[in-house]
C-alpha atoms as a PDB file:
ATOM      1  CA  MET A   1     197.121 183.018 121.520  1.00  0.00           C
ATOM      2  CA  ASN A   2     198.353 180.036 123.530  1.00  0.00           C
ATOM      3  CA  HIS A   3     201.302 179.165 125.727  1.00  0.00           C
ATOM      4  CA  VAL A   4     203.492 176.508 124.154  1.00  0.00           C
ATOM      5  CA  VAL A   5     203.948 173.232 125.994  1.00  0.00           C
ATOM      6  CA  GLY A   6     206.796 171.027 124.875  1.00  0.00           C
ATOM      7  CA  PRO A   7     210.288 171.536 123.467  1.00  0.00           C
ATOM      8  CA  MET A   8     209.943 175.290 122.853  1.00  0.00           C
ATOM      9  CA  SER A   9     211.646 177.780 125.164  1.00  0.00           C
ATOM     10  CA  LEU A  10     209.966 178.753 128.421  1.00  0.00           C
ATOM     11  CA  GLY A  11     207.635 181.696 127.892  1.00  0.00           C
ATOM     12  CA  THR A  12     206.915 180.977 124.234  1.00  0.00           C
ATOM     13  CA  LEU A  13     203.503 182.100 122.972  1.00  0.00           C
ATOM     14  CA  ILE A  14     201.844 181.074 119.727  1.00  0.00           C
ATOM     15  CA  ILE A  15     199.443 183.306 117.832  1.00  0.00           C
ATOM     16  CA  GLY A  16     197.547 181.435 115.171  1.00  0.00           C
ATOM     17  CA  PRO A  17     194.574 182.095 112.926  1.00  0.00           C
ATOM     18  CA  ARG A  18     191.131 180.837 113.935  1.00  0.00           C
ATOM     19  CA  GLU A  19     190.903 178.826 110.729  1.00  0.00           C
ATOM     20  CA  HIS A  20     193.726 176.429 109.825  1.00  0.00           C
ATOM     21  CA  VAL A  21     195.985 177.550 106.993  1.00  0.00           C
ATOM     22  CA  VAL A  22     199.227 176.036 105.764  1.00  0.00           C
ATOM     23  CA  ALA A  23     200.793 179.389 104.830  1.00  0.00           C
ATOM     24  CA  ILE A  24     200.263 183.052 105.621  1.00  0.00           C
ATOM     25  CA  ALA A  25     199.538 183.557 101.918  1.00  0.00           C
ATOM     26  CA  GLU A  26     196.273 181.669 102.514  1.00  0.00           C
ATOM     27  CA  LEU A  27     194.934 184.142 105.110  1.00  0.00           C
ATOM     28  CA  ASP A  28     191.827 186.059 104.103  1.00  0.00           C
ATOM     29  CA  ASP A  29     191.812 189.869 104.159  1.00  0.00           C
ATOM     30  CA  THR A  30     190.257 190.089 107.622  1.00  0.00           C
ATOM     31  CA  ALA A  31     192.789 187.744 109.233  1.00  0.00           C
ATOM     32  CA  THR A  32     195.625 189.525 107.446  1.00  0.00           C
ATOM     33  CA  ALA A  33     194.469 192.919 108.722  1.00  0.00           C
ATOM     34  CA  GLU A  34     194.236 191.573 112.298  1.00  0.00           C
ATOM     35  CA  LEU A  35     197.603 189.789 112.396  1.00  0.00           C
ATOM     36  CA  GLY A  36     199.998 192.761 112.302  1.00  0.00           C
ATOM     37  CA  PRO A  37     198.372 194.783 115.091  1.00  0.00           C
ATOM     38  CA  LEU A  38     197.893 191.622 117.171  1.00  0.00           C
ATOM     39  CA  LEU A  39     201.593 190.737 116.924  1.00  0.00           C
ATOM     40  CA  ARG A  40     202.593 194.323 117.756  1.00  0.00           C
ATOM     41  CA  ASP A  41     200.213 194.593 120.717  1.00  0.00           C
ATOM     42  CA  THR A  42     201.271 191.207 122.093  1.00  0.00           C
ATOM     43  CA  ALA A  43     204.948 192.171 121.877  1.00  0.00           C
ATOM     44  CA  ARG A  44     204.188 195.437 123.703  1.00  0.00           C
ATOM     45  CA  VAL A  45     202.403 193.607 126.525  1.00  0.00           C
ATOM     46  CA  VAL A  46     205.250 191.105 126.873  1.00  0.00           C
ATOM     47  CA  ASP A  47     207.796 193.956 126.920  1.00  0.00           C
ATOM     48  CA  THR A  48     205.802 195.888 129.525  1.00  0.00           C
ATOM     49  CA  LEU A  49     205.105 192.965 131.856  1.00  0.00           C
ATOM     50  CA  CYS A  50     208.302 190.959 131.544  1.00  0.00           C
ATOM     51  CA  ARG A  51     210.954 193.491 130.496  1.00  0.00           C
ATOM     52  CA  PRO A  52     212.805 190.898 128.372  1.00  0.00           C
ATOM     53  CA  GLU A  53     216.123 191.723 126.773  1.00  0.00           C
ATOM     54  CA  GLN A  54     214.590 190.814 123.407  1.00  0.00           C
ATOM     55  CA  THR A  55     211.146 189.841 122.132  1.00  0.00           C
ATOM     56  CA  TYR A  56     211.233 187.691 118.983  1.00  0.00           C
ATOM     57  CA  VAL A  57     208.456 187.252 116.437  1.00  0.00           C
ATOM     58  CA  CYS A  58     209.021 184.194 114.219  1.00  0.00           C
ATOM     59  CA  MET A  59     207.134 182.109 111.664  1.00  0.00           C
ATOM     60  CA  TRP A  60     207.431 178.385 111.057  1.00  0.00           C
END
């Protein structure tokens, strides 16, 4: 997980796989199994610490 620097909105975080893939369909079983809980847990931490009106999870 990394903070985004650049044209993205303030407070944007990126969660990416350790190995480069072009599409989620290319993730191996281990990475796939880790992604869902990681996204959920990250959103929970952001909600708890920052109390945002909305927490978005997006893919590009």
